Amino acid sequence: MEYHIQNRDDFIKYVKSEVLTSSEVLEVLGVSRQSLNSLVKRGKLVPIKELSRDKLFLREDIERRKEESKELHSKYRPYDE
C-alpha cells in the first residue's frame, strides 16, 4: 500500500489509523501478551518500533496475521467450528 503524506496533519492521521500498540494488537488478534511476544520472537510479527515497555505495529501486518490465523485454525482445528 502506498501513502502520500503531505503535511503534519496527514502524518498524525496516518499514525492514529495505521499504527497499533501492543495492547491494541492483543484486542485485534484476541491473543495473550505471551502469545504476542512469541509471535514477535519467532518472526511471525515484526514491530516497526520497540520502546522500553511497548511495541508498535502496522495495522496492515496485524490484519494479515489475523487472516492467516483464521486459515490455520480452520485447517488444523476444524472440529472447533
PDB file of N, CA and C in Angstrom:
ATOM      1  N   MET A   1       0.841  -1.166   0.000  1.00  0.00           N
ATOM      2  CA  MET A   1       0.000   0.000   0.000  1.00  0.00           C
ATOM      3  C   MET A   1       0.891   1.235   0.000  1.00  0.00           C
ATOM      4  N   GLU A   2       0.489   2.234  -0.712  1.00  0.00           N
ATOM      5  CA  GLU A   2       1.282   3.441  -0.849  1.00  0.00           C
ATOM      6  C   GLU A   2       0.580   4.600  -0.168  1.00  0.00           C
ATOM      7  N   TYR A   3       1.332   5.389   0.565  1.00  0.00           N
ATOM      8  CA  TYR A   3       0.772   6.517   1.286  1.00  0.00           C
ATOM      9  C   TYR A   3       1.438   7.795   0.820  1.00  0.00           C
ATOM     10  N   HIS A   4       0.658   8.854   0.777  1.00  0.00           N
ATOM     11  CA  HIS A   4       1.180  10.169   0.403  1.00  0.00           C
ATOM     12  C   HIS A   4       0.916  11.117   1.563  1.00  0.00           C
ATOM     13  N   ILE A   5       1.964  11.395   2.292  1.00  0.00           N
ATOM     14  CA  ILE A   5       1.846  12.273   3.450  1.00  0.00           C
ATOM     15  C   ILE A   5       2.430  13.623   3.060  1.00  0.00           C
ATOM     16  N   GLN A   6       1.572  14.607   3.047  1.00  0.00           N
ATOM     17  CA  GLN A   6       1.963  15.938   2.576  1.00  0.00           C
ATOM     18  C   GLN A   6       2.322  16.887   3.716  1.00  0.00           C
ATOM     19  N   ASN A   7       1.698  16.671   4.882  1.00  0.00           N
ATOM     20  CA  ASN A   7       1.919  17.618   5.973  1.00  0.00           C
ATOM     21  C   ASN A   7       1.763  16.910   7.317  1.00  0.00           C
ATOM     22  N   ARG A   8       1.920  17.673   8.359  1.00  0.00           N
ATOM     23  CA  ARG A   8       1.854  17.142   9.715  1.00  0.00           C
ATOM     24  C   ARG A   8       0.498  16.506  10.019  1.00  0.00           C
ATOM     25  N   ASP A   9      -0.582  17.130   9.596  1.00  0.00           N
ATOM     26  CA  ASP A   9      -1.924  16.590   9.849  1.00  0.00           C
ATOM     27  C   ASP A   9      -2.118  15.238   9.167  1.00  0.00           C
ATOM     28  N   ASP A  10      -1.620  15.096   7.951  1.00  0.00           N
ATOM     29  CA  ASP A  10      -1.698  13.806   7.250  1.00  0.00           C
ATOM     30  C   ASP A  10      -0.921  12.739   8.013  1.00  0.00           C
ATOM     31  N   PHE A  11       0.247  13.120   8.519  1.00  0.00           N
ATOM     32  CA  PHE A  11       1.068  12.179   9.269  1.00  0.00           C
ATOM     33  C   PHE A  11       0.366  11.743  10.551  1.00  0.00           C
ATOM     34  N   ILE A  12      -0.205  12.670  11.266  1.00  0.00           N
ATOM     35  CA  ILE A  12      -0.917  12.345  12.510  1.00  0.00           C
ATOM     36  C   ILE A  12      -2.101  11.443  12.214  1.00  0.00           C
ATOM     37  N   LYS A  13      -2.827  11.735  11.156  1.00  0.00           N
ATOM     38  CA  LYS A  13      -3.973  10.908  10.775  1.00  0.00           C
ATOM     39  C   LYS A  13      -3.514   9.493  10.418  1.00  0.00           C
ATOM     40  N   TYR A  14      -2.403   9.388   9.698  1.00  0.00           N
ATOM     41  CA  TYR A  14      -1.846   8.084   9.328  1.00  0.00           C
ATOM     42  C   TYR A  14      -1.468   7.280  10.574  1.00  0.00           C
ATOM     43  N   VAL A  15      -0.748   7.886  11.490  1.00  0.00           N
ATOM     44  CA  VAL A  15      -0.299   7.180  12.691  1.00  0.00           C
ATOM     45  C   VAL A  15      -1.499   6.728  13.519  1.00  0.00           C
ATOM     46  N   LYS A  16      -2.484   7.579  13.699  1.00  0.00           N
ATOM     47  CA  LYS A  16      -3.659   7.221  14.501  1.00  0.00           C
ATOM     48  C   LYS A  16      -4.443   6.068  13.893  1.00  0.00           C
ATOM     49  N   SER A  17      -4.474   5.987  12.572  1.00  0.00           N
ATOM     50  CA  SER A  17      -5.290   4.947  11.935  1.00  0.00           C
ATOM     51  C   SER A  17      -4.507   3.690  11.578  1.00  0.00           C
ATOM     52  N   GLU A  18      -3.212   3.783  11.359  1.00  0.00           N
ATOM     53  CA  GLU A  18      -2.450   2.658  10.822  1.00  0.00           C
ATOM     54  C   GLU A  18      -1.380   2.081  11.737  1.00  0.00           C
ATOM     55  N   VAL A  19      -1.120   2.692  12.871  1.00  0.00           N
ATOM     56  CA  VAL A  19      -0.105   2.191  13.796  1.00  0.00           C
ATOM     57  C   VAL A  19      -0.803   1.738  15.073  1.00  0.00           C
ATOM     58  N   LEU A  20      -0.508   0.513  15.493  1.00  0.00           N
ATOM     59  CA  LEU A  20      -1.145  -0.068  16.669  1.00  0.00           C
ATOM     60  C   LEU A  20      -0.117  -0.347  17.761  1.00  0.00           C
ATOM     61  N   THR A  21      -0.527  -0.152  19.009  1.00  0.00           N
ATOM     62  CA  THR A  21       0.314  -0.517  20.149  1.00  0.00           C
ATOM     63  C   THR A  21       0.119  -2.000  20.438  1.00  0.00           C
ATOM     64  N   SER A  22       0.947  -2.536  21.313  1.00  0.00           N
ATOM     65  CA  SER A  22       0.822  -3.945  21.693  1.00  0.00           C
ATOM     66  C   SER A  22      -0.559  -4.237  22.262  1.00  0.00           C
ATOM     67  N   SER A  23      -1.072  -3.360  23.100  1.00  0.00           N
ATOM     68  CA  SER A  23      -2.393  -3.575  23.704  1.00  0.00           C
ATOM     69  C   SER A  23      -3.489  -3.628  22.640  1.00  0.00           C
ATOM     70  N   GLU A  24      -3.397  -2.775  21.635  1.00  0.00           N
ATOM     71  CA  GLU A  24      -4.386  -2.786  20.557  1.00  0.00           C
ATOM     72  C   GLU A  24      -4.278  -4.071  19.743  1.00  0.00           C
ATOM     73  N   VAL A  25      -3.056  -4.536  19.536  1.00  0.00           N
ATOM     74  CA  VAL A  25      -2.847  -5.783  18.797  1.00  0.00           C
ATOM     75  C   VAL A  25      -3.460  -6.957  19.554  1.00  0.00           C
ATOM     76  N   LEU A  26      -3.322  -6.973  20.874  1.00  0.00           N
ATOM     77  CA  LEU A  26      -3.917  -8.037  21.680  1.00  0.00           C
ATOM     78  C   LEU A  26      -5.424  -8.103  21.455  1.00  0.00           C
ATOM     79  N   GLU A  27      -6.076  -6.953  21.390  1.00  0.00           N
ATOM     80  CA  GLU A  27      -7.519  -6.907  21.155  1.00  0.00           C
ATOM     81  C   GLU A  27      -7.875  -7.403  19.754  1.00  0.00           C
ATOM     82  N   VAL A  28      -7.154  -6.919  18.761  1.00  0.00           N
ATOM     83  CA  VAL A  28      -7.463  -7.270  17.370  1.00  0.00           C
ATOM     84  C   VAL A  28      -7.276  -8.764  17.134  1.00  0.00           C
ATOM     85  N   LEU A  29      -6.169  -9.308  17.606  1.00  0.00           N
ATOM     86  CA  LEU A  29      -5.877 -10.723  17.369  1.00  0.00           C
ATOM     87  C   LEU A  29      -6.548 -11.650  18.383  1.00  0.00           C
ATOM     88  N   GLY A  30      -6.933 -11.112  19.524  1.00  0.00           N
ATOM     89  CA  GLY A  30      -7.544 -11.937  20.553  1.00  0.00           C
ATOM     90  C   GLY A  30      -6.576 -12.937  21.156  1.00  0.00           C
ATOM     91  N   VAL A  31      -5.342 -12.496  21.377  1.00  0.00           N
ATOM     92  CA  VAL A  31      -4.316 -13.374  21.952  1.00  0.00           C
ATOM     93  C   VAL A  31      -3.807 -12.772  23.259  1.00  0.00           C
ATOM     94  N   SER A  32      -3.066 -13.560  24.007  1.00  0.00           N
ATOM     95  CA  SER A  32      -2.462 -13.080  25.247  1.00  0.00           C
ATOM     96  C   SER A  32      -1.153 -12.352  24.934  1.00  0.00           C
ATOM     97  N   ARG A  33      -0.663 -11.639  25.923  1.00  0.00           N
ATOM     98  CA  ARG A  33       0.614 -10.931  25.753  1.00  0.00           C
ATOM     99  C   ARG A  33       1.749 -11.928  25.504  1.00  0.00           C
ATOM    100  N   GLN A  34       1.681 -13.090  26.155  1.00  0.00           N
ATOM    101  CA  GLN A  34       2.703 -14.117  25.950  1.00  0.00           C
ATOM    102  C   GLN A  34       2.679 -14.617  24.502  1.00  0.00           C
ATOM    103  N   SER A  35       1.481 -14.788  23.955  1.00  0.00           N
ATOM    104  CA  SER A  35       1.369 -15.226  22.555  1.00  0.00           C
ATOM    105  C   SER A  35       1.918 -14.174  21.612  1.00  0.00           C
ATOM    106  N   LEU A  36       1.629 -12.910  21.888  1.00  0.00           N
ATOM    107  CA  LEU A  36       2.154 -11.833  21.052  1.00  0.00           C
ATOM    108  C   LEU A  36       3.675 -11.821  21.108  1.00  0.00           C
ATOM    109  N   ASN A  37       4.232 -11.947  22.308  1.00  0.00           N
ATOM    110  CA  ASN A  37       5.698 -11.978  22.430  1.00  0.00           C
ATOM    111  C   ASN A  37       6.291 -13.165  21.681  1.00  0.00           C
ATOM    112  N   SER A  38       5.606 -14.300  21.706  1.00  0.00           N
ATOM    113  CA  SER A  38       6.062 -15.475  20.969  1.00  0.00           C
ATOM    114  C   SER A  38       6.028 -15.222  19.463  1.00  0.00           C
ATOM    115  N   LEU A  39       4.962 -14.601  18.976  1.00  0.00           N
ATOM    116  CA  LEU A  39       4.865 -14.276  17.544  1.00  0.00           C
ATOM    117  C   LEU A  39       6.012 -13.360  17.121  1.00  0.00           C
ATOM    118  N   VAL A  40       6.352 -12.400  17.959  1.00  0.00           N
ATOM    119  CA  VAL A  40       7.450 -11.478  17.650  1.00  0.00           C
ATOM    120  C   VAL A  40       8.782 -12.228  17.675  1.00  0.00           C
ATOM    121  N   LYS A  41       8.989 -13.035  18.704  1.00  0.00           N
ATOM    122  CA  LYS A  41      10.254 -13.766  18.850  1.00  0.00           C
ATOM    123  C   LYS A  41      10.478 -14.720  17.677  1.00  0.00           C
ATOM    124  N   ARG A  42       9.388 -15.356  17.173  1.00  0.00           N
ATOM    125  CA  ARG A  42       9.505 -16.299  16.060  1.00  0.00           C
ATOM    126  C   ARG A  42       9.496 -15.608  14.698  1.00  0.00           C
ATOM    127  N   GLY A  43       9.361 -14.279  14.673  1.00  0.00           N
ATOM    128  CA  GLY A  43       9.396 -13.535  13.417  1.00  0.00           C
ATOM    129  C   GLY A  43       8.089 -13.551  12.649  1.00  0.00           C
ATOM    130  N   LYS A  44       7.013 -13.984  13.290  1.00  0.00           N
ATOM    131  CA  LYS A  44       5.701 -14.009  12.629  1.00  0.00           C
ATOM    132  C   LYS A  44       5.100 -12.608  12.556  1.00  0.00           C
ATOM    133  N   LEU A  45       5.449 -11.766  13.522  1.00  0.00           N
ATOM    134  CA  LEU A  45       5.075 -10.351  13.525  1.00  0.00           C
ATOM    135  C   LEU A  45       6.335  -9.546  13.792  1.00  0.00           C
ATOM    136  N   VAL A  46       6.504  -8.466  13.043  1.00  0.00           N
ATOM    137  CA  VAL A  46       7.689  -7.627  13.212  1.00  0.00           C
ATOM    138  C   VAL A  46       7.238  -6.216  13.584  1.00  0.00           C
ATOM    139  N   PRO A  47       7.610  -5.771  14.796  1.00  0.00           N
ATOM    140  CA  PRO A  47       7.235  -4.411  15.186  1.00  0.00           C
ATOM    141  C   PRO A  47       8.005  -3.389  14.363  1.00  0.00           C
ATOM    142  N   ILE A  48       7.358  -2.246  14.119  1.00  0.00           N
ATOM    143  CA  ILE A  48       8.051  -1.181  13.386  1.00  0.00           C
ATOM    144  C   ILE A  48       8.929  -0.363  14.326  1.00  0.00           C
ATOM    145  N   LYS A  49       8.592  -0.418  15.641  1.00  0.00           N
ATOM    146  CA  LYS A  49       9.426   0.252  16.630  1.00  0.00           C
ATOM    147  C   LYS A  49       9.219  -0.431  17.976  1.00  0.00           C
ATOM    148  N   GLU A  50      10.337  -0.615  18.695  1.00  0.00           N
ATOM    149  CA  GLU A  50      10.268  -1.196  20.028  1.00  0.00           C
ATOM    150  C   GLU A  50      10.675  -0.138  21.040  1.00  0.00           C
ATOM    151  N   LEU A  51       9.770   0.116  21.968  1.00  0.00           N
ATOM    152  CA  LEU A  51      10.028   1.058  23.042  1.00  0.00           C
ATOM    153  C   LEU A  51      10.375   0.266  24.300  1.00  0.00           C
ATOM    154  N   SER A  52      10.697   0.937  25.378  1.00  0.00           N
ATOM    155  CA  SER A  52      11.104   0.218  26.585  1.00  0.00           C
ATOM    156  C   SER A  52       9.986  -0.673  27.117  1.00  0.00           C
ATOM    157  N   ARG A  53       8.728  -0.253  27.020  1.00  0.00           N
ATOM    158  CA  ARG A  53       7.627  -1.045  27.571  1.00  0.00           C
ATOM    159  C   ARG A  53       6.555  -1.387  26.544  1.00  0.00           C
ATOM    160  N   ASP A  54       6.775  -1.073  25.300  1.00  0.00           N
ATOM    161  CA  ASP A  54       5.739  -1.315  24.296  1.00  0.00           C
ATOM    162  C   ASP A  54       6.375  -1.521  22.926  1.00  0.00           C
ATOM    163  N   LYS A  55       5.568  -2.014  22.016  1.00  0.00           N
ATOM    164  CA  LYS A  55       5.988  -2.186  20.627  1.00  0.00           C
ATOM    165  C   LYS A  55       4.910  -1.569  19.750  1.00  0.00           C
ATOM    166  N   LEU A  56       5.311  -1.068  18.590  1.00  0.00           N
ATOM    167  CA  LEU A  56       4.367  -0.506  17.634  1.00  0.00           C
ATOM    168  C   LEU A  56       4.346  -1.378  16.382  1.00  0.00           C
ATOM    169  N   PHE A  57       3.144  -1.599  15.848  1.00  0.00           N
ATOM    170  CA  PHE A  57       2.951  -2.458  14.684  1.00  0.00           C
ATOM    171  C   PHE A  57       2.114  -1.737  13.643  1.00  0.00           C
ATOM    172  N   LEU A  58       2.298  -2.122  12.386  1.00  0.00           N
ATOM    173  CA  LEU A  58       1.443  -1.606  11.321  1.00  0.00           C
ATOM    174  C   LEU A  58       0.148  -2.413  11.277  1.00  0.00           C
ATOM    175  N   ARG A  59      -0.970  -1.705  11.160  1.00  0.00           N
ATOM    176  CA  ARG A  59      -2.284  -2.348  11.103  1.00  0.00           C
ATOM    177  C   ARG A  59      -2.338  -3.381   9.970  1.00  0.00           C
ATOM    178  N   GLU A  60      -1.741  -3.061   8.841  1.00  0.00           N
ATOM    179  CA  GLU A  60      -1.733  -3.960   7.681  1.00  0.00           C
ATOM    180  C   GLU A  60      -1.128  -5.326   8.036  1.00  0.00           C
ATOM    181  N   ASP A  61      -0.028  -5.322   8.788  1.00  0.00           N
ATOM    182  CA  ASP A  61       0.623  -6.571   9.197  1.00  0.00           C
ATOM    183  C   ASP A  61      -0.261  -7.366  10.153  1.00  0.00           C
ATOM    184  N   ILE A  62      -0.933  -6.670  11.048  1.00  0.00           N
ATOM    185  CA  ILE A  62      -1.792  -7.326  12.034  1.00  0.00           C
ATOM    186  C   ILE A  62      -3.011  -7.933  11.350  1.00  0.00           C
ATOM    187  N   GLU A  63      -3.604  -7.211  10.423  1.00  0.00           N
ATOM    188  CA  GLU A  63      -4.768  -7.735   9.684  1.00  0.00           C
ATOM    189  C   GLU A  63      -4.373  -8.969   8.870  1.00  0.00           C
ATOM    190  N   ARG A  64      -3.189  -8.939   8.271  1.00  0.00           N
ATOM    191  CA  ARG A  64      -2.704 -10.086   7.503  1.00  0.00           C
ATOM    192  C   ARG A  64      -2.524 -11.298   8.426  1.00  0.00           C
ATOM    193  N   ARG A  65      -1.949 -11.080   9.601  1.00  0.00           N
ATOM    194  CA  ARG A  65      -1.752 -12.175  10.557  1.00  0.00           C
ATOM    195  C   ARG A  65      -3.091 -12.720  11.041  1.00  0.00           C
ATOM    196  N   LYS A  66      -4.060 -11.849  11.210  1.00  0.00           N
ATOM    197  CA  LYS A  66      -5.395 -12.278  11.649  1.00  0.00           C
ATOM    198  C   LYS A  66      -6.017 -13.218  10.615  1.00  0.00           C
ATOM    199  N   GLU A  67      -5.893 -12.886   9.343  1.00  0.00           N
ATOM    200  CA  GLU A  67      -6.416 -13.747   8.278  1.00  0.00           C
ATOM    201  C   GLU A  67      -5.667 -15.075   8.228  1.00  0.00           C
ATOM    202  N   GLU A  68      -4.342 -15.030   8.360  1.00  0.00           N
ATOM    203  CA  GLU A  68      -3.543 -16.259   8.355  1.00  0.00           C
ATOM    204  C   GLU A  68      -3.951 -17.171   9.509  1.00  0.00           C
ATOM    205  N   SER A  69      -4.174 -16.588  10.669  1.00  0.00           N
ATOM    206  CA  SER A  69      -4.523 -17.409  11.828  1.00  0.00           C
ATOM    207  C   SER A  69      -5.907 -18.031  11.663  1.00  0.00           C
ATOM    208  N   LYS A  70      -6.833 -17.320  11.004  1.00  0.00           N
ATOM    209  CA  LYS A  70      -8.152 -17.911  10.718  1.00  0.00           C
ATOM    210  C   LYS A  70      -7.997 -19.130   9.811  1.00  0.00           C
ATOM    211  N   GLU A  71      -7.172 -19.008   8.786  1.00  0.00           N
ATOM    212  CA  GLU A  71      -6.945 -20.116   7.853  1.00  0.00           C
ATOM    213  C   GLU A  71      -6.293 -21.296   8.567  1.00  0.00           C
ATOM    214  N   LEU A  72      -5.283 -21.022   9.388  1.00  0.00           N
ATOM    215  CA  LEU A  72      -4.604 -22.092  10.110  1.00  0.00           C
ATOM    216  C   LEU A  72      -5.548 -22.761  11.106  1.00  0.00           C
ATOM    217  N   HIS A  73      -6.372 -21.972  11.750  1.00  0.00           N
ATOM    218  CA  HIS A  73      -7.303 -22.515  12.733  1.00  0.00           C
ATOM    219  C   HIS A  73      -8.296 -23.457  12.058  1.00  0.00           C
ATOM    220  N   SER A  74      -8.830 -23.054  10.915  1.00  0.00           N
ATOM    221  CA  SER A  74      -9.807 -23.912  10.230  1.00  0.00           C
ATOM    222  C   SER A  74      -9.128 -25.152   9.640  1.00  0.00           C
ATOM    223  N   LYS A  75      -7.858 -25.049   9.289  1.00  0.00           N
ATOM    224  CA  LYS A  75      -7.133 -26.193   8.732  1.00  0.00           C
ATOM    225  C   LYS A  75      -6.786 -27.227   9.800  1.00  0.00           C
ATOM    226  N   TYR A  76      -6.285 -26.751  10.937  1.00  0.00           N
ATOM    227  CA  TYR A  76      -5.784 -27.658  11.950  1.00  0.00           C
ATOM    228  C   TYR A  76      -6.756 -27.929  13.100  1.00  0.00           C
ATOM    229  N   ARG A  77      -7.818 -27.162  13.200  1.00  0.00           N
ATOM    230  CA  ARG A  77      -8.803 -27.373  14.255  1.00  0.00           C
ATOM    231  C   ARG A  77     -10.225 -27.259  13.686  1.00  0.00           C
ATOM    232  N   PRO A  78     -10.530 -28.032  12.664  1.00  0.00           N
ATOM    233  CA  PRO A  78     -11.847 -27.892  12.023  1.00  0.00           C
ATOM    234  C   PRO A  78     -13.019 -28.267  12.935  1.00  0.00           C
ATOM    235  N   TYR A  79     -12.765 -29.077  13.938  1.00  0.00           N
ATOM    236  CA  TYR A  79     -13.825 -29.512  14.843  1.00  0.00           C
ATOM    237  C   TYR A  79     -14.237 -28.416  15.821  1.00  0.00           C
ATOM    238  N   ASP A  80     -13.480 -27.337  15.921  1.00  0.00           N
ATOM    239  CA  ASP A  80     -13.829 -26.238  16.815  1.00  0.00           C
ATOM    240  C   ASP A  80     -14.925 -25.351  16.240  1.00  0.00           C
ATOM    241  N   GLU A  81     -15.147 -25.425  14.964  1.00  0.00           N
ATOM    242  CA  GLU A  81     -16.098 -24.501  14.319  1.00  0.00           C
ATOM    243  C   GLU A  81     -17.509 -25.018  14.374  1.00  0.00           C
TER     244      GLU A  81
END
